[in-house]
C-alpha cells in the first residue's frame, strides 16, 4: 500500500526542444544498476559551461524546458534529464530524493565527457529535483552553483502533508515514515534540504512562490533562518504557485545574474 501510494507517476514528454526553436540532441545516460536516463542536450554552439536541470516528482525533461532559453541566450549548454521511473528513463524500483541526486550525479559525470562541455557545471532543480540538486552538491566538490526552485525544507513535513490529504490515520503516520526511511536507506535529517543547503559550499539561489500550495512559502523562510553562517540567495515570487514556470521565467535576469556572479 505504501509503495502504491508513493509511486511516482510516469508521464512521457509530449514535444521536444525543437518546438521552442532550440537545437538539441537526444541522449541516453548510464546510471546505477545499468539503468539509463533519457535526456536532451541543448548545445550553446561551442564548448561551454553546462546547466544540468532536473524536474520534480512526476515530471519530466519537458517541464523545465522553457527555462533553458535564458541560459542558452548567454552561451551556456543545457542538459534536461528524466530521473529514473520518470519520463522516458528506465524504471528501477522506488523513486526517492537520494535516487534523484544519484541521477543528477551521473548526469554531471556524463556532461564532463562531452565535447560540447567546457568549464563549470551548475545544477537547477524543481521541487524534489531542487532538493536533489542540494544533496548532490553537498556530497560533491565539482558543482559550481545550484538553483533550487520551490523546494521543500524537510521530507517528513512534505510526507505528512501528503498523508493528511490522503486521510491516512494519524496512528499510521509514524509507522509509514519509519518504513519509507528504511526503504530509501538514508536518514531524513541527512538528506533534508534544510540541512543539505547549509553543507553546500558553492553559491546557491533559492526561488519560491508566495502562493505555493504544495510546498508552503514558509519552507523557504525556514531554510533562510537555518543557514545564517553560509546564507544562500533567496528570491520570493509574489503570487507564484508550485509549478509556475512562467512566473519563474519573469525572473530570468536574476537567474542569469546569479550564474554570472558564480563564474559562468
C-alpha atoms as a PDB file:
ATOM      1  CA  UNK A   1       0.000   0.000   0.000  1.00  0.00           C
ATOM      2  CA  UNK A   2       2.831   2.402   0.869  1.00  0.00           C
ATOM      3  CA  UNK A   3       4.659   1.663  -2.388  1.00  0.00           C
ATOM      4  CA  UNK A   4       1.486   2.246  -4.389  1.00  0.00           C
ATOM      5  CA  UNK A   5       0.685   5.449  -2.522  1.00  0.00           C
ATOM      6  CA  UNK A   6       4.144   6.926  -3.001  1.00  0.00           C
ATOM      7  CA  UNK A   7       4.718   5.562  -6.504  1.00  0.00           C
ATOM      8  CA  UNK A   8       5.866   8.188  -8.995  1.00  0.00           C
ATOM      9  CA  UNK A   9       3.531   8.791 -11.954  1.00  0.00           C
ATOM     10  CA  UNK A  10       5.395   8.260 -15.226  1.00  0.00           C
ATOM     11  CA  UNK A  11       4.448  10.818 -17.888  1.00  0.00           C
ATOM     12  CA  UNK A  12       6.400  10.978 -21.130  1.00  0.00           C
ATOM     13  CA  UNK A  13       7.225  14.214 -22.943  1.00  0.00           C
ATOM     14  CA  UNK A  14       4.651  15.471 -25.469  1.00  0.00           C
ATOM     15  CA  UNK A  15       7.060  17.583 -27.520  1.00  0.00           C
ATOM     16  CA  UNK A  16      10.779  18.297 -27.810  1.00  0.00           C
ATOM     17  CA  UNK A  17      13.102  21.345 -27.675  1.00  0.00           C
ATOM     18  CA  UNK A  18      12.659  21.950 -31.405  1.00  0.00           C
ATOM     19  CA  UNK A  19       9.085  23.067 -30.664  1.00  0.00           C
ATOM     20  CA  UNK A  20      10.593  26.095 -28.900  1.00  0.00           C
ATOM     21  CA  UNK A  21      13.215  26.652 -31.567  1.00  0.00           C
ATOM     22  CA  UNK A  22      16.098  25.039 -29.644  1.00  0.00           C
ATOM     23  CA  UNK A  23      18.673  22.844 -31.359  1.00  0.00           C
ATOM     24  CA  UNK A  24      19.213  19.621 -29.410  1.00  0.00           C
ATOM     25  CA  UNK A  25      20.356  16.050 -29.429  1.00  0.00           C
ATOM     26  CA  UNK A  26      18.732  13.195 -27.599  1.00  0.00           C
ATOM     27  CA  UNK A  27      20.923  11.183 -25.252  1.00  0.00           C
ATOM     28  CA  UNK A  28      20.799   8.135 -23.005  1.00  0.00           C
ATOM     29  CA  UNK A  29      22.902   8.454 -19.838  1.00  0.00           C
ATOM     30  CA  UNK A  30      24.140   5.493 -17.753  1.00  0.00           C
ATOM     31  CA  UNK A  31      23.157   5.388 -14.101  1.00  0.00           C
ATOM     32  CA  UNK A  32      23.036   2.828 -11.253  1.00  0.00           C
ATOM     33  CA  UNK A  33      22.401  -0.880 -11.912  1.00  0.00           C
ATOM     34  CA  UNK A  34      22.938  -0.449 -15.672  1.00  0.00           C
ATOM     35  CA  UNK A  35      19.775   1.650 -15.992  1.00  0.00           C
ATOM     36  CA  UNK A  36      19.607   4.556 -18.454  1.00  0.00           C
ATOM     37  CA  UNK A  37      18.377   8.135 -18.140  1.00  0.00           C
ATOM     38  CA  UNK A  38      16.695   9.886 -21.041  1.00  0.00           C
ATOM     39  CA  UNK A  39      17.963  13.423 -21.646  1.00  0.00           C
ATOM     40  CA  UNK A  40      18.042  16.343 -24.053  1.00  0.00           C
ATOM     41  CA  UNK A  41      21.327  18.176 -24.558  1.00  0.00           C
ATOM     42  CA  UNK A  42      20.819  21.726 -25.839  1.00  0.00           C
ATOM     43  CA  UNK A  43      24.268  22.885 -27.006  1.00  0.00           C
ATOM     44  CA  UNK A  44      25.370  26.507 -26.943  1.00  0.00           C
ATOM     45  CA  UNK A  45      27.071  26.056 -30.326  1.00  0.00           C
ATOM     46  CA  UNK A  46      30.597  25.967 -28.925  1.00  0.00           C
ATOM     47  CA  UNK A  47      32.314  24.286 -25.934  1.00  0.00           C
ATOM     48  CA  UNK A  48      30.767  25.949 -22.895  1.00  0.00           C
ATOM     49  CA  UNK A  49      29.769  25.571 -19.260  1.00  0.00           C
ATOM     50  CA  UNK A  50      26.640  23.495 -18.654  1.00  0.00           C
ATOM     51  CA  UNK A  51      23.469  23.777 -16.573  1.00  0.00           C
ATOM     52  CA  UNK A  52      22.005  20.363 -15.661  1.00  0.00           C
ATOM     53  CA  UNK A  53      18.258  20.601 -14.993  1.00  0.00           C
ATOM     54  CA  UNK A  54      16.061  18.149 -13.091  1.00  0.00           C
ATOM     55  CA  UNK A  55      12.264  18.114 -12.812  1.00  0.00           C
ATOM     56  CA  UNK A  56      10.279  17.278  -9.675  1.00  0.00           C
ATOM     57  CA  UNK A  57       8.125  14.327  -8.627  1.00  0.00           C
ATOM     58  CA  UNK A  58       6.042  13.020 -11.530  1.00  0.00           C
ATOM     59  CA  UNK A  59       7.619  15.441 -14.014  1.00  0.00           C
ATOM     60  CA  UNK A  60       9.938  15.050 -16.967  1.00  0.00           C
ATOM     61  CA  UNK A  61      12.508  16.976 -19.017  1.00  0.00           C
ATOM     62  CA  UNK A  62       9.785  18.959 -20.773  1.00  0.00           C
ATOM     63  CA  UNK A  63       8.661  20.680 -17.553  1.00  0.00           C
ATOM     64  CA  UNK A  64      11.714  22.940 -17.188  1.00  0.00           C
ATOM     65  CA  UNK A  65      12.382  23.259 -20.928  1.00  0.00           C
ATOM     66  CA  UNK A  66      11.140  26.890 -21.126  1.00  0.00           C
ATOM     67  CA  UNK A  67      13.735  27.897 -18.511  1.00  0.00           C
ATOM     68  CA  UNK A  68      16.526  26.671 -20.789  1.00  0.00           C
ATOM     69  CA  UNK A  69      16.114  29.741 -23.004  1.00  0.00           C
ATOM     70  CA  UNK A  70      17.790  32.307 -20.722  1.00  0.00           C
ATOM     71  CA  UNK A  71      20.783  30.021 -20.149  1.00  0.00           C
ATOM     72  CA  UNK A  72      21.233  29.301 -23.853  1.00  0.00           C
ATOM     73  CA  UNK A  73      20.961  33.026 -24.600  1.00  0.00           C
ATOM     74  CA  UNK A  74      24.091  33.733 -22.540  1.00  0.00           C
ATOM     75  CA  UNK A  75      26.095  30.931 -24.117  1.00  0.00           C
ATOM     76  CA  UNK A  76      25.565  28.018 -21.719  1.00  0.00           C
ATOM     77  CA  UNK A  77      24.769  24.408 -22.594  1.00  0.00           C
ATOM     78  CA  UNK A  78      21.652  22.932 -21.005  1.00  0.00           C
ATOM     79  CA  UNK A  79      21.056  19.272 -20.174  1.00  0.00           C
ATOM     80  CA  UNK A  80      17.484  18.325 -19.219  1.00  0.00           C
ATOM     81  CA  UNK A  81      17.245  14.893 -17.587  1.00  0.00           C
ATOM     82  CA  UNK A  82      14.446  12.460 -16.775  1.00  0.00           C
ATOM     83  CA  UNK A  83      15.008  10.825 -13.381  1.00  0.00           C
ATOM     84  CA  UNK A  84      14.596   7.072 -13.131  1.00  0.00           C
ATOM     85  CA  UNK A  85      10.924   5.998 -13.203  1.00  0.00           C
ATOM     86  CA  UNK A  86      10.068   9.322 -14.880  1.00  0.00           C
ATOM     87  CA  UNK A  87       9.518  10.406 -18.455  1.00  0.00           C
ATOM     88  CA  UNK A  88      11.315   8.049 -20.845  1.00  0.00           C
ATOM     89  CA  UNK A  89      14.027   6.922 -18.425  1.00  0.00           C
ATOM     90  CA  UNK A  90      14.280   3.306 -17.307  1.00  0.00           C
ATOM     91  CA  UNK A  91      12.228   2.039 -14.402  1.00  0.00           C
ATOM     92  CA  UNK A  92      14.186   0.995 -11.338  1.00  0.00           C
ATOM     93  CA  UNK A  93      12.309   0.191  -8.137  1.00  0.00           C
ATOM     94  CA  UNK A  94      11.329   3.119  -5.929  1.00  0.00           C
ATOM     95  CA  UNK A  95      11.984   6.819  -6.502  1.00  0.00           C
ATOM     96  CA  UNK A  96      13.410   8.998  -3.741  1.00  0.00           C
ATOM     97  CA  UNK A  97      15.374  12.163  -3.094  1.00  0.00           C
ATOM     98  CA  UNK A  98      18.689  10.240  -2.869  1.00  0.00           C
ATOM     99  CA  UNK A  99      17.974   8.459  -6.154  1.00  0.00           C
ATOM    100  CA  UNK A 100      17.175  11.759  -7.849  1.00  0.00           C
ATOM    101  CA  UNK A 101      20.518  13.039  -6.503  1.00  0.00           C
ATOM    102  CA  UNK A 102      22.324   9.940  -7.794  1.00  0.00           C
ATOM    103  CA  UNK A 103      20.824  10.529 -11.236  1.00  0.00           C
ATOM    104  CA  UNK A 104      21.995  14.131 -11.177  1.00  0.00           C
ATOM    105  CA  UNK A 105      25.476  12.979 -10.214  1.00  0.00           C
ATOM    106  CA  UNK A 106      25.566  10.548 -13.126  1.00  0.00           C
ATOM    107  CA  UNK A 107      24.342  13.322 -15.428  1.00  0.00           C
ATOM    108  CA  UNK A 108      27.220  15.549 -14.279  1.00  0.00           C
ATOM    109  CA  UNK A 109      29.709  12.739 -14.926  1.00  0.00           C
ATOM    110  CA  UNK A 110      28.264  12.280 -18.431  1.00  0.00           C
ATOM    111  CA  UNK A 111      28.392  16.015 -19.193  1.00  0.00           C
ATOM    112  CA  UNK A 112      32.082  16.222 -18.383  1.00  0.00           C
ATOM    113  CA  UNK A 113      32.800  13.619 -21.072  1.00  0.00           C
ATOM    114  CA  UNK A 114      31.059  15.551 -23.872  1.00  0.00           C
ATOM    115  CA  UNK A 115      32.878  17.651 -26.467  1.00  0.00           C
ATOM    116  CA  UNK A 116      30.216  20.362 -26.102  1.00  0.00           C
ATOM    117  CA  UNK A 117      31.185  20.952 -22.464  1.00  0.00           C
ATOM    118  CA  UNK A 118      33.992  23.144 -21.158  1.00  0.00           C
ATOM    119  CA  UNK A 119      34.109  24.858 -17.768  1.00  0.00           C
ATOM    120  CA  UNK A 120      31.964  24.587 -14.641  1.00  0.00           C
ATOM    121  CA  UNK A 121      28.677  22.736 -14.086  1.00  0.00           C
ATOM    122  CA  UNK A 122      25.585  24.172 -12.382  1.00  0.00           C
ATOM    123  CA  UNK A 123      22.531  22.281 -11.139  1.00  0.00           C
ATOM    124  CA  UNK A 124      18.971  23.574 -11.432  1.00  0.00           C
ATOM    125  CA  UNK A 125      16.101  21.575  -9.968  1.00  0.00           C
ATOM    126  CA  UNK A 126      12.419  21.992  -9.208  1.00  0.00           C
ATOM    127  CA  UNK A 127      10.743  20.717  -6.014  1.00  0.00           C
ATOM    128  CA  UNK A 128      12.170  17.222  -5.355  1.00  0.00           C
ATOM    129  CA  UNK A 129      14.672  17.924  -8.134  1.00  0.00           C
ATOM    130  CA  UNK A 130      15.744  21.042  -6.270  1.00  0.00           C
ATOM    131  CA  UNK A 131      16.252  19.066  -3.094  1.00  0.00           C
ATOM    132  CA  UNK A 132      18.240  16.501  -5.081  1.00  0.00           C
ATOM    133  CA  UNK A 133      20.411  19.275  -6.527  1.00  0.00           C
ATOM    134  CA  UNK A 134      21.245  20.449  -2.996  1.00  0.00           C
ATOM    135  CA  UNK A 135      22.029  16.903  -1.838  1.00  0.00           C
ATOM    136  CA  UNK A 136      24.183  16.227  -4.889  1.00  0.00           C
ATOM    137  CA  UNK A 137      26.119  19.480  -4.428  1.00  0.00           C
ATOM    138  CA  UNK A 138      26.562  18.804  -0.699  1.00  0.00           C
ATOM    139  CA  UNK A 139      28.222  15.464  -1.474  1.00  0.00           C
ATOM    140  CA  UNK A 140      30.390  16.512  -4.436  1.00  0.00           C
ATOM    141  CA  UNK A 141      33.128  19.098  -4.851  1.00  0.00           C
ATOM    142  CA  UNK A 142      32.731  19.705  -8.596  1.00  0.00           C
ATOM    143  CA  UNK A 143      29.425  21.621  -8.633  1.00  0.00           C
ATOM    144  CA  UNK A 144      29.906  25.367  -9.170  1.00  0.00           C
ATOM    145  CA  UNK A 145      26.363  26.634  -8.463  1.00  0.00           C
ATOM    146  CA  UNK A 146      22.875  25.416  -7.507  1.00  0.00           C
ATOM    147  CA  UNK A 147      19.469  26.884  -8.375  1.00  0.00           C
ATOM    148  CA  UNK A 148      16.665  25.365  -6.295  1.00  0.00           C
ATOM    149  CA  UNK A 149      13.061  26.119  -7.275  1.00  0.00           C
ATOM    150  CA  UNK A 150      10.062  25.541  -4.969  1.00  0.00           C
ATOM    151  CA  UNK A 151      11.931  23.049  -2.780  1.00  0.00           C
ATOM    152  CA  UNK A 152      10.544  21.686   0.486  1.00  0.00           C
ATOM    153  CA  UNK A 153      12.531  22.071   3.702  1.00  0.00           C
ATOM    154  CA  UNK A 154      12.201  18.560   5.160  1.00  0.00           C
ATOM    155  CA  UNK A 155      10.869  15.312   3.618  1.00  0.00           C
ATOM    156  CA  UNK A 156       8.914  14.366   6.754  1.00  0.00           C
ATOM    157  CA  UNK A 157       6.926  17.605   6.588  1.00  0.00           C
ATOM    158  CA  UNK A 158       6.213  17.012   2.904  1.00  0.00           C
ATOM    159  CA  UNK A 159       5.139  13.425   3.538  1.00  0.00           C
ATOM    160  CA  UNK A 160       2.950  14.423   6.477  1.00  0.00           C
ATOM    161  CA  UNK A 161       1.167  16.972   4.271  1.00  0.00           C
ATOM    162  CA  UNK A 162       0.626  14.282   1.628  1.00  0.00           C
ATOM    163  CA  UNK A 163      -0.706  11.754   4.139  1.00  0.00           C
ATOM    164  CA  UNK A 164      -3.006  14.355   5.675  1.00  0.00           C
ATOM    165  CA  UNK A 165      -4.572  14.994   2.268  1.00  0.00           C
ATOM    166  CA  UNK A 166      -4.828  11.245   1.690  1.00  0.00           C
ATOM    167  CA  UNK A 167      -6.610  10.918   5.074  1.00  0.00           C
ATOM    168  CA  UNK A 168      -4.177   8.350   6.389  1.00  0.00           C
ATOM    169  CA  UNK A 169      -4.923   7.790  10.102  1.00  0.00           C
ATOM    170  CA  UNK A 170      -2.586   9.676  12.435  1.00  0.00           C
ATOM    171  CA  UNK A 171      -1.718   6.412  14.192  1.00  0.00           C
ATOM    172  CA  UNK A 172      -0.139   5.057  10.988  1.00  0.00           C
ATOM    173  CA  UNK A 173       1.871   8.150  10.041  1.00  0.00           C
ATOM    174  CA  UNK A 174       4.946   7.419  12.246  1.00  0.00           C
ATOM    175  CA  UNK A 175       4.993   3.820  11.001  1.00  0.00           C
ATOM    176  CA  UNK A 176       4.873   4.919   7.366  1.00  0.00           C
ATOM    177  CA  UNK A 177       7.646   7.463   7.945  1.00  0.00           C
ATOM    178  CA  UNK A 178       9.917   4.869   9.530  1.00  0.00           C
ATOM    179  CA  UNK A 179       9.197   2.345   6.788  1.00  0.00           C
ATOM    180  CA  UNK A 180       9.953   4.798   3.964  1.00  0.00           C
ATOM    181  CA  UNK A 181      13.174   5.894   5.695  1.00  0.00           C
ATOM    182  CA  UNK A 182      14.255   2.253   5.827  1.00  0.00           C
ATOM    183  CA  UNK A 183      13.393   1.713   2.149  1.00  0.00           C
ATOM    184  CA  UNK A 184      15.395   4.713   0.896  1.00  0.00           C
ATOM    185  CA  UNK A 185      18.337   3.774   3.125  1.00  0.00           C
ATOM    186  CA  UNK A 186      19.114   7.305   4.343  1.00  0.00           C
ATOM    187  CA  UNK A 187      18.111   9.262   7.442  1.00  0.00           C
ATOM    188  CA  UNK A 188      15.652  12.051   6.669  1.00  0.00           C
ATOM    189  CA  UNK A 189      17.761  14.592   8.549  1.00  0.00           C
ATOM    190  CA  UNK A 190      20.805  13.729   6.433  1.00  0.00           C
ATOM    191  CA  UNK A 191      19.025  14.385   3.117  1.00  0.00           C
ATOM    192  CA  UNK A 192      16.627  17.182   4.155  1.00  0.00           C
ATOM    193  CA  UNK A 193      17.169  20.340   2.048  1.00  0.00           C
ATOM    194  CA  UNK A 194      17.047  22.492   5.188  1.00  0.00           C
ATOM    195  CA  UNK A 195      20.242  20.682   6.273  1.00  0.00           C
ATOM    196  CA  UNK A 196      21.996  19.966   2.978  1.00  0.00           C
ATOM    197  CA  UNK A 197      21.668  23.581   1.851  1.00  0.00           C
ATOM    198  CA  UNK A 198      23.928  24.552   4.746  1.00  0.00           C
ATOM    199  CA  UNK A 199      26.546  21.985   3.686  1.00  0.00           C
ATOM    200  CA  UNK A 200      26.782  23.168   0.083  1.00  0.00           C
ATOM    201  CA  UNK A 201      29.945  25.208  -0.401  1.00  0.00           C
ATOM    202  CA  UNK A 202      29.171  26.658  -3.844  1.00  0.00           C
ATOM    203  CA  UNK A 203      26.764  29.595  -4.407  1.00  0.00           C
ATOM    204  CA  UNK A 204      23.067  28.686  -4.001  1.00  0.00           C
ATOM    205  CA  UNK A 205      19.962  30.508  -5.238  1.00  0.00           C
ATOM    206  CA  UNK A 206      16.525  29.548  -3.899  1.00  0.00           C
ATOM    207  CA  UNK A 207      13.317  30.725  -5.602  1.00  0.00           C
ATOM    208  CA  UNK A 208       9.866  30.112  -4.137  1.00  0.00           C
ATOM    209  CA  UNK A 209       6.349  31.285  -4.957  1.00  0.00           C
ATOM    210  CA  UNK A 210       4.369  33.039  -2.240  1.00  0.00           C
ATOM    211  CA  UNK A 211       1.188  31.195  -3.332  1.00  0.00           C
ATOM    212  CA  UNK A 212       2.688  27.704  -3.429  1.00  0.00           C
ATOM    213  CA  UNK A 213       0.048  25.306  -2.064  1.00  0.00           C
ATOM    214  CA  UNK A 214       2.179  22.191  -2.422  1.00  0.00           C
ATOM    215  CA  UNK A 215       5.256  23.454  -0.571  1.00  0.00           C
ATOM    216  CA  UNK A 216       4.411  26.401   1.710  1.00  0.00           C
ATOM    217  CA  UNK A 217       6.459  29.568   1.349  1.00  0.00           C
ATOM    218  CA  UNK A 218       7.373  29.059   4.999  1.00  0.00           C
ATOM    219  CA  UNK A 219       9.700  26.227   3.947  1.00  0.00           C
ATOM    220  CA  UNK A 220      11.908  28.776   2.187  1.00  0.00           C
ATOM    221  CA  UNK A 221      11.828  31.007   5.246  1.00  0.00           C
ATOM    222  CA  UNK A 222      12.843  28.063   7.437  1.00  0.00           C
ATOM    223  CA  UNK A 223      15.872  27.410   5.206  1.00  0.00           C
ATOM    224  CA  UNK A 224      16.745  31.100   5.298  1.00  0.00           C
ATOM    225  CA  UNK A 225      16.796  31.069   9.120  1.00  0.00           C
ATOM    226  CA  UNK A 226      18.798  27.821   9.286  1.00  0.00           C
ATOM    227  CA  UNK A 227      21.710  28.917   7.078  1.00  0.00           C
ATOM    228  CA  UNK A 228      22.844  32.166   8.614  1.00  0.00           C
ATOM    229  CA  UNK A 229      26.505  31.153   8.613  1.00  0.00           C
ATOM    230  CA  UNK A 230      26.568  30.418   4.882  1.00  0.00           C
ATOM    231  CA  UNK A 231      23.481  32.219   3.558  1.00  0.00           C
ATOM    232  CA  UNK A 232      22.210  31.282   0.095  1.00  0.00           C
ATOM    233  CA  UNK A 233      20.416  33.872  -2.014  1.00  0.00           C
ATOM    234  CA  UNK A 234      16.621  33.848  -1.770  1.00  0.00           C
ATOM    235  CA  UNK A 235      14.041  35.222  -4.203  1.00  0.00           C
ATOM    236  CA  UNK A 236      10.345  35.201  -3.294  1.00  0.00           C
ATOM    237  CA  UNK A 237       7.969  35.410  -6.256  1.00  0.00           C
ATOM    238  CA  UNK A 238       4.656  37.080  -5.320  1.00  0.00           C
ATOM    239  CA  UNK A 239       1.595  35.137  -6.448  1.00  0.00           C
ATOM    240  CA  UNK A 240       3.526  32.224  -7.951  1.00  0.00           C
ATOM    241  CA  UNK A 241       2.352  28.663  -7.353  1.00  0.00           C
ATOM    242  CA  UNK A 242       4.336  25.462  -7.093  1.00  0.00           C
ATOM    243  CA  UNK A 243       4.579  24.779 -10.822  1.00  0.00           C
ATOM    244  CA  UNK A 244       4.592  28.381 -12.070  1.00  0.00           C
ATOM    245  CA  UNK A 245       7.434  28.032 -14.582  1.00  0.00           C
ATOM    246  CA  UNK A 246       6.228  31.130 -16.425  1.00  0.00           C
ATOM    247  CA  UNK A 247       6.465  33.136 -13.203  1.00  0.00           C
ATOM    248  CA  UNK A 248       9.982  31.828 -12.596  1.00  0.00           C
ATOM    249  CA  UNK A 249      10.856  32.959 -16.118  1.00  0.00           C
ATOM    250  CA  UNK A 250       9.833  36.503 -15.205  1.00  0.00           C
ATOM    251  CA  UNK A 251      12.952  36.459 -13.014  1.00  0.00           C
ATOM    252  CA  UNK A 252      15.303  35.115 -15.673  1.00  0.00           C
ATOM    253  CA  UNK A 253      17.522  38.148 -15.132  1.00  0.00           C
ATOM    254  CA  UNK A 254      18.100  37.067 -11.532  1.00  0.00           C
ATOM    255  CA  UNK A 255      18.906  33.515 -12.672  1.00  0.00           C
ATOM    256  CA  UNK A 256      21.433  34.636 -15.266  1.00  0.00           C
ATOM    257  CA  UNK A 257      22.994  37.251 -12.986  1.00  0.00           C
ATOM    258  CA  UNK A 258      23.396  34.650 -10.241  1.00  0.00           C
ATOM    259  CA  UNK A 259      25.283  32.309 -12.585  1.00  0.00           C
ATOM    260  CA  UNK A 260      27.473  35.130 -13.882  1.00  0.00           C
ATOM    261  CA  UNK A 261      28.471  36.023 -10.346  1.00  0.00           C
ATOM    262  CA  UNK A 262      29.174  32.329  -9.709  1.00  0.00           C
ATOM    263  CA  UNK A 263      31.721  32.330 -12.532  1.00  0.00           C
ATOM    264  CA  UNK A 264      29.673  31.206 -15.523  1.00  0.00           C
END
